[in-house]
Amino acid sequence: MEEVKRQGHLLVAEDISALGSLSLTAALPLLAQLGIPTALLPTSILSTQSEGFDQPVSLSTAKWLPRVWKHWQEQQVVLDSVLIGYIGELAVGTELNSLLAKIEPTHVVIDPVFADNGQLYPTFIEQHLQQLYQLLKWANIITPNYTEACFLAAGQVGSPLKQQFVFTEAELLQKLGKIILPGGKVVITGVVEQATNQIGCIWLDESGQVIRKMFPRLAGHFYGSGDVFAALLAGFTWQGLAFSAAINEAAELTYLALRETAETNSERRLGIRLSRVMAKLAQKMNK
């Protein structure tokens, strides 16, 4: 795989779960296997992920982040690309928005993590949504799931069940395209086709047609699947792969990870099994 010559590190801003393979602990090995230099900014440090373990113990990084950036500046660390995931604290979102204004990255992928399965995450409030709109203005690529896409397109924290029939898929993608960087791209994950019992993602091609990448649904819920997809998509586009090609690669590998997780009867709360994906990435890098 031929890499684009980039000048700096890919900044990864996500939460760290001290248990399992989710968010930053899933993204880092995938990006490392792709040979991408990373700089890590944990948006929070959690004893476990935020679902399935009652209330996790949380450590705020809001005051730490600006000190890290100051040190990186002193050491002349170059950051030209960004991947942003879950932001659970308004103060952290404020710091990230300030940081983006300072570094002016050329490649920004944002996974706007705040809802799933028709429901907001418990700690999410209206102010988070408004802050998220500010961050999304920096994004070249966003990867909301279907629930998040409905909220973002509606512009308010209402019931996504009331919104999901308002827009066609093309309209939904077009509306989201207007809240990110001009010329940016949107891919919506977790799109279900009830008639065929398939699940996958949708995006617009260059002509404005909706493209679908679907797979047979696997039983149960897979915590961290969006984290894996966003990390892979960020990695492939960082390397210069075209948007549609990068989505296809990322979706195929994410589904491979879900199959491994299901077939090994892994505890779903602990996230996604990545050994098969890591092996595939190693093969790709050695070609």
Protein backbone atom coordinates (compact mmCIF):
# COMPACT_ATOMS: atom_id res chain seq x y z
CA MET A 1 0.00 0.00 0.00
CA GLU A 2 1.53 3.31 -1.11
CA GLU A 3 1.40 5.98 1.57
CA VAL A 4 0.73 9.69 1.16
CA LYS A 5 3.72 11.65 2.42
CA ARG A 6 2.40 13.42 5.51
CA GLN A 7 4.42 15.72 7.71
CA GLY A 8 3.28 14.80 11.19
CA HIS A 9 1.44 12.57 13.61
CA LEU A 10 -2.19 11.50 13.61
CA LEU A 11 -3.67 12.92 16.80
CA VAL A 12 -6.12 10.44 18.37
CA ALA A 13 -8.51 11.93 20.94
CA GLU A 14 -10.76 9.29 22.50
CA ASP A 15 -11.49 7.86 25.92
CA ILE A 16 -9.40 5.10 27.46
CA SER A 17 -11.22 2.15 28.99
CA ALA A 18 -8.89 0.37 31.41
CA LEU A 19 -10.71 -2.88 30.65
CA GLY A 20 -11.34 -4.36 27.22
CA SER A 21 -10.68 -3.40 23.60
CA LEU A 22 -12.65 -0.25 22.84
CA SER A 23 -12.04 3.36 21.87
CA LEU A 24 -8.37 4.27 22.25
CA THR A 25 -7.27 0.76 23.23
CA ALA A 26 -8.77 -0.54 19.98
CA ALA A 27 -7.68 2.34 17.73
CA LEU A 28 -4.02 2.40 18.76
CA PRO A 29 -3.02 -1.16 17.72
CA LEU A 30 -4.87 -0.83 14.41
CA LEU A 31 -3.15 2.44 13.53
CA ALA A 32 0.21 1.08 14.68
CA GLN A 33 -0.23 -1.95 12.43
CA LEU A 34 -0.84 0.43 9.53
CA GLY A 35 2.46 2.14 10.30
CA ILE A 36 0.85 5.45 11.23
CA PRO A 37 2.64 7.65 13.79
CA THR A 38 0.18 8.67 16.50
CA ALA A 39 -0.08 11.22 19.27
CA LEU A 40 -2.63 10.33 21.94
CA LEU A 41 -4.93 12.66 23.86
CA PRO A 42 -7.25 10.66 26.13
CA THR A 43 -10.54 12.54 26.48
CA SER A 44 -11.17 10.70 29.75
CA ILE A 45 -9.79 7.70 31.61
CA LEU A 46 -12.43 5.15 32.63
CA SER A 47 -12.25 2.02 34.76
CA THR A 48 -14.50 0.30 32.20
CA GLN A 49 -16.50 1.36 29.20
CA SER A 50 -19.59 3.42 29.96
CA GLU A 51 -22.13 0.66 29.19
CA GLY A 52 -22.67 -2.69 30.84
CA PHE A 53 -20.57 -2.15 33.98
CA ASP A 54 -22.76 0.24 35.99
CA GLN A 55 -21.10 3.62 36.60
CA PRO A 56 -17.37 3.52 35.76
CA VAL A 57 -14.74 5.37 37.75
CA SER A 58 -13.71 8.36 35.66
CA LEU A 59 -10.62 10.60 35.67
CA SER A 60 -10.93 13.95 33.89
CA THR A 61 -8.16 15.00 31.50
CA ALA A 62 -9.49 18.52 30.87
CA LYS A 63 -6.71 20.32 32.78
CA TRP A 64 -4.04 17.93 31.51
CA LEU A 65 -4.73 18.43 27.78
CA PRO A 66 -3.52 22.05 27.43
CA ARG A 67 -0.34 21.20 29.35
CA VAL A 68 0.34 18.33 26.96
CA TRP A 69 -0.16 20.60 23.96
CA LYS A 70 2.20 23.20 25.47
CA HIS A 71 4.87 20.52 25.94
CA TRP A 72 4.39 19.22 22.41
CA GLN A 73 4.79 22.75 21.06
CA GLU A 74 8.04 23.14 22.98
CA GLN A 75 9.24 19.87 21.45
CA GLN A 76 8.08 20.91 17.96
CA VAL A 77 5.73 17.95 17.58
CA VAL A 78 3.86 18.23 14.27
CA LEU A 79 0.19 17.20 14.15
CA ASP A 80 -1.36 17.30 10.68
CA SER A 81 -4.25 14.84 11.08
CA VAL A 82 -6.85 14.13 13.77
CA LEU A 83 -9.20 11.32 14.80
CA ILE A 84 -11.77 12.26 17.45
CA GLY A 85 -14.08 9.82 19.20
CA TYR A 86 -16.04 9.91 22.46
CA ILE A 87 -15.96 13.18 24.41
CA GLY A 88 -17.84 12.84 27.68
CA GLU A 89 -16.99 16.20 29.24
CA LEU A 90 -17.79 19.68 27.95
CA ALA A 91 -14.48 21.10 29.21
CA VAL A 92 -12.58 18.53 27.14
CA GLY A 93 -14.57 19.41 24.03
CA THR A 94 -13.71 23.07 24.56
CA GLU A 95 -10.00 22.23 24.79
CA LEU A 96 -10.15 20.11 21.63
CA ASN A 97 -11.87 22.86 19.67
CA SER A 98 -9.18 25.29 20.78
CA LEU A 99 -6.46 22.83 19.82
CA LEU A 100 -7.91 22.30 16.33
CA ALA A 101 -7.88 26.06 15.78
CA LYS A 102 -4.19 26.15 16.68
CA ILE A 103 -2.94 23.21 14.61
CA GLU A 104 -5.29 23.65 11.60
CA PRO A 105 -5.08 19.97 10.57
CA THR A 106 -5.49 18.94 6.95
CA HIS A 107 -7.22 15.62 7.66
CA VAL A 108 -9.87 15.30 10.39
CA VAL A 109 -12.06 12.25 11.03
CA ILE A 110 -14.72 12.59 13.73
CA ASP A 111 -16.86 9.81 15.11
CA PRO A 112 -19.60 11.79 16.92
CA VAL A 113 -20.21 9.31 19.71
CA PHE A 114 -23.28 10.23 21.76
CA ALA A 115 -26.15 7.82 21.01
CA ASP A 116 -27.04 4.33 19.80
CA ASN A 117 -30.03 2.05 19.32
CA GLY A 118 -32.45 4.97 19.28
CA GLN A 119 -31.25 6.36 22.62
CA LEU A 120 -28.91 9.07 23.85
CA TYR A 121 -26.08 8.03 26.12
CA PRO A 122 -27.13 8.79 29.72
CA THR A 123 -24.80 11.75 30.35
CA PHE A 124 -25.41 13.49 27.03
CA ILE A 125 -27.21 16.85 27.15
CA GLU A 126 -28.17 19.62 24.71
CA GLN A 127 -24.92 21.52 25.36
CA HIS A 128 -22.92 18.52 24.14
CA LEU A 129 -24.78 18.59 20.83
CA GLN A 130 -24.10 22.29 20.31
CA GLN A 131 -20.43 21.79 21.14
CA LEU A 132 -20.28 18.87 18.75
CA TYR A 133 -21.51 21.07 15.90
CA GLN A 134 -18.53 23.36 16.53
CA LEU A 135 -16.10 20.45 16.34
CA LEU A 136 -17.74 19.00 13.23
CA LYS A 137 -16.91 22.18 11.30
CA TRP A 138 -13.31 20.93 11.25
CA ALA A 139 -14.17 17.48 9.90
CA ASN A 140 -13.26 16.14 6.48
CA ILE A 141 -15.00 12.86 7.35
CA ILE A 142 -17.63 11.95 9.94
CA THR A 143 -18.88 8.47 10.87
CA PRO A 144 -22.12 8.76 12.87
CA ASN A 145 -24.27 5.73 13.45
CA TYR A 146 -27.89 5.94 12.30
CA THR A 147 -29.23 7.21 15.63
CA GLU A 148 -26.56 9.92 15.81
CA ALA A 149 -27.19 10.89 12.20
CA CYS A 150 -30.89 11.44 12.93
CA PHE A 151 -30.14 13.65 15.94
CA LEU A 152 -27.52 15.68 14.06
CA ALA A 153 -29.79 16.22 11.05
CA ALA A 154 -32.72 17.21 13.27
CA GLY A 155 -30.55 19.71 15.14
CA GLN A 156 -32.01 18.92 18.53
CA VAL A 157 -31.99 16.25 21.20
CA GLY A 158 -35.41 14.77 20.54
CA SER A 159 -36.54 11.22 19.94
CA PRO A 160 -34.72 9.71 16.95
CA LEU A 161 -37.67 7.37 16.54
CA LYS A 162 -39.70 10.40 15.46
CA GLN A 163 -36.96 11.59 13.12
CA GLN A 164 -35.94 8.45 11.31
CA PHE A 165 -38.77 8.58 8.78
CA VAL A 166 -38.51 12.31 8.06
CA PHE A 167 -35.51 12.15 5.71
CA THR A 168 -34.61 9.84 2.89
CA GLU A 169 -31.13 8.35 3.13
CA ALA A 170 -29.85 10.78 0.50
CA GLU A 171 -31.37 13.76 2.34
CA LEU A 172 -29.88 12.59 5.63
CA LEU A 173 -26.41 12.32 4.12
CA GLN A 174 -26.76 15.68 2.38
CA LYS A 175 -27.88 17.44 5.57
CA LEU A 176 -24.92 16.06 7.50
CA GLY A 177 -22.60 17.12 4.70
CA LYS A 178 -23.60 20.74 5.34
CA ILE A 179 -22.45 20.76 8.98
CA ILE A 180 -18.88 19.67 8.27
CA LEU A 181 -16.00 21.17 6.29
CA PRO A 182 -17.03 22.11 2.71
CA GLY A 183 -16.32 19.14 0.48
CA GLY A 184 -16.27 16.79 3.47
CA LYS A 185 -17.62 13.25 3.43
CA VAL A 186 -20.23 11.44 5.52
CA VAL A 187 -20.65 7.72 6.11
CA ILE A 188 -23.51 6.52 8.31
CA THR A 189 -23.00 3.22 10.11
CA GLY A 190 -25.43 0.83 11.75
CA VAL A 191 -27.98 1.10 8.93
CA VAL A 192 -30.35 -1.88 9.06
CA GLU A 193 -32.20 -3.46 6.15
CA GLN A 194 -35.05 -5.30 7.83
CA ALA A 195 -36.21 -7.09 4.68
CA THR A 196 -32.85 -8.79 4.12
CA ASN A 197 -31.73 -8.86 7.79
CA GLN A 198 -28.54 -7.03 6.87
CA ILE A 199 -26.63 -4.20 8.49
CA GLY A 200 -23.94 -1.89 7.19
CA CYS A 201 -23.17 1.65 6.12
CA ILE A 202 -24.26 4.19 3.52
CA TRP A 203 -22.57 7.16 1.86
CA LEU A 204 -22.83 9.30 -1.27
CA ASP A 205 -20.65 8.77 -4.32
CA GLU A 206 -19.32 11.63 -6.43
CA SER A 207 -22.58 11.82 -8.39
CA GLY A 208 -24.70 12.08 -5.24
CA GLN A 209 -26.03 8.52 -5.38
CA VAL A 210 -26.40 6.52 -2.16
CA ILE A 211 -23.92 3.64 -1.95
CA ARG A 212 -24.48 0.74 0.45
CA LYS A 213 -22.10 -1.75 2.02
CA MET A 214 -24.15 -4.40 3.80
CA PHE A 215 -23.47 -7.62 5.70
CA PRO A 216 -25.62 -10.36 7.29
CA ARG A 217 -26.60 -9.31 10.80
CA LEU A 218 -24.90 -11.09 13.68
CA ALA A 219 -26.80 -11.76 16.90
CA GLY A 220 -26.35 -9.39 19.82
CA HIS A 221 -24.74 -6.01 20.33
CA PHE A 222 -21.06 -5.35 19.65
CA TYR A 223 -19.63 -2.66 21.90
CA GLY A 224 -16.81 -0.76 20.21
CA SER A 225 -17.61 -1.67 16.60
CA GLY A 226 -17.87 2.01 15.67
CA ASP A 227 -14.49 2.69 17.28
CA VAL A 228 -12.87 0.01 15.13
CA PHE A 229 -14.51 1.24 11.92
CA ALA A 230 -13.58 4.88 12.53
CA ALA A 231 -9.96 4.00 13.33
CA LEU A 232 -9.61 1.89 10.19
CA LEU A 233 -11.26 4.53 8.00
CA ALA A 234 -9.02 7.23 9.47
CA GLY A 235 -5.99 5.06 8.87
CA PHE A 236 -6.80 4.17 5.27
CA THR A 237 -7.69 7.74 4.30
CA TRP A 238 -4.55 8.98 6.08
CA GLN A 239 -2.61 6.71 3.74
CA GLY A 240 -4.34 8.26 0.74
CA LEU A 241 -6.95 5.63 -0.12
CA ALA A 242 -10.01 7.09 -1.87
CA PHE A 243 -13.09 7.54 0.32
CA SER A 244 -15.25 4.74 -1.11
CA ALA A 245 -12.33 2.32 -1.27
CA ALA A 246 -11.41 3.17 2.33
CA ILE A 247 -14.98 2.55 3.48
CA ASN A 248 -15.08 -0.82 1.76
CA GLU A 249 -11.78 -1.87 3.36
CA ALA A 250 -12.76 -0.58 6.81
CA ALA A 251 -16.21 -2.18 6.67
CA GLU A 252 -14.88 -5.56 5.56
CA LEU A 253 -12.29 -5.61 8.33
CA THR A 254 -14.75 -4.42 10.97
CA TYR A 255 -17.11 -7.22 10.02
CA LEU A 256 -14.21 -9.68 10.23
CA ALA A 257 -13.61 -8.48 13.79
CA LEU A 258 -17.29 -8.84 14.66
CA ARG A 259 -17.33 -12.39 13.33
CA GLU A 260 -14.27 -13.26 15.39
CA THR A 261 -15.87 -11.75 18.48
CA ALA A 262 -19.07 -13.75 17.89
CA GLU A 263 -17.37 -17.03 16.98
CA THR A 264 -15.09 -16.99 20.02
CA ASN A 265 -18.00 -16.26 22.37
CA SER A 266 -16.09 -13.29 23.75
CA GLU A 267 -17.75 -11.25 26.46
CA ARG A 268 -19.34 -8.44 24.49
CA ARG A 269 -18.88 -5.82 27.22
CA LEU A 270 -15.12 -6.08 26.72
CA GLY A 271 -15.22 -4.88 23.14
CA ILE A 272 -14.01 -6.30 19.85
CA ARG A 273 -11.54 -9.10 19.13
CA LEU A 274 -8.89 -7.83 16.71
CA SER A 275 -6.43 -10.68 16.10
CA ARG A 276 -7.79 -11.60 12.63
CA VAL A 277 -7.91 -7.95 11.58
CA MET A 278 -4.35 -7.41 12.77
CA ALA A 279 -3.21 -10.39 10.71
CA LYS A 280 -5.00 -9.05 7.61
CA LEU A 281 -3.44 -5.63 8.07
CA ALA A 282 0.00 -7.19 8.40
CA GLN A 283 -0.54 -8.96 5.08
CA LYS A 284 -1.62 -5.71 3.41
CA MET A 285 1.38 -3.81 4.71
CA ASN A 286 3.78 -6.51 3.50
CA LYS A 287 2.51 -6.47 -0.09
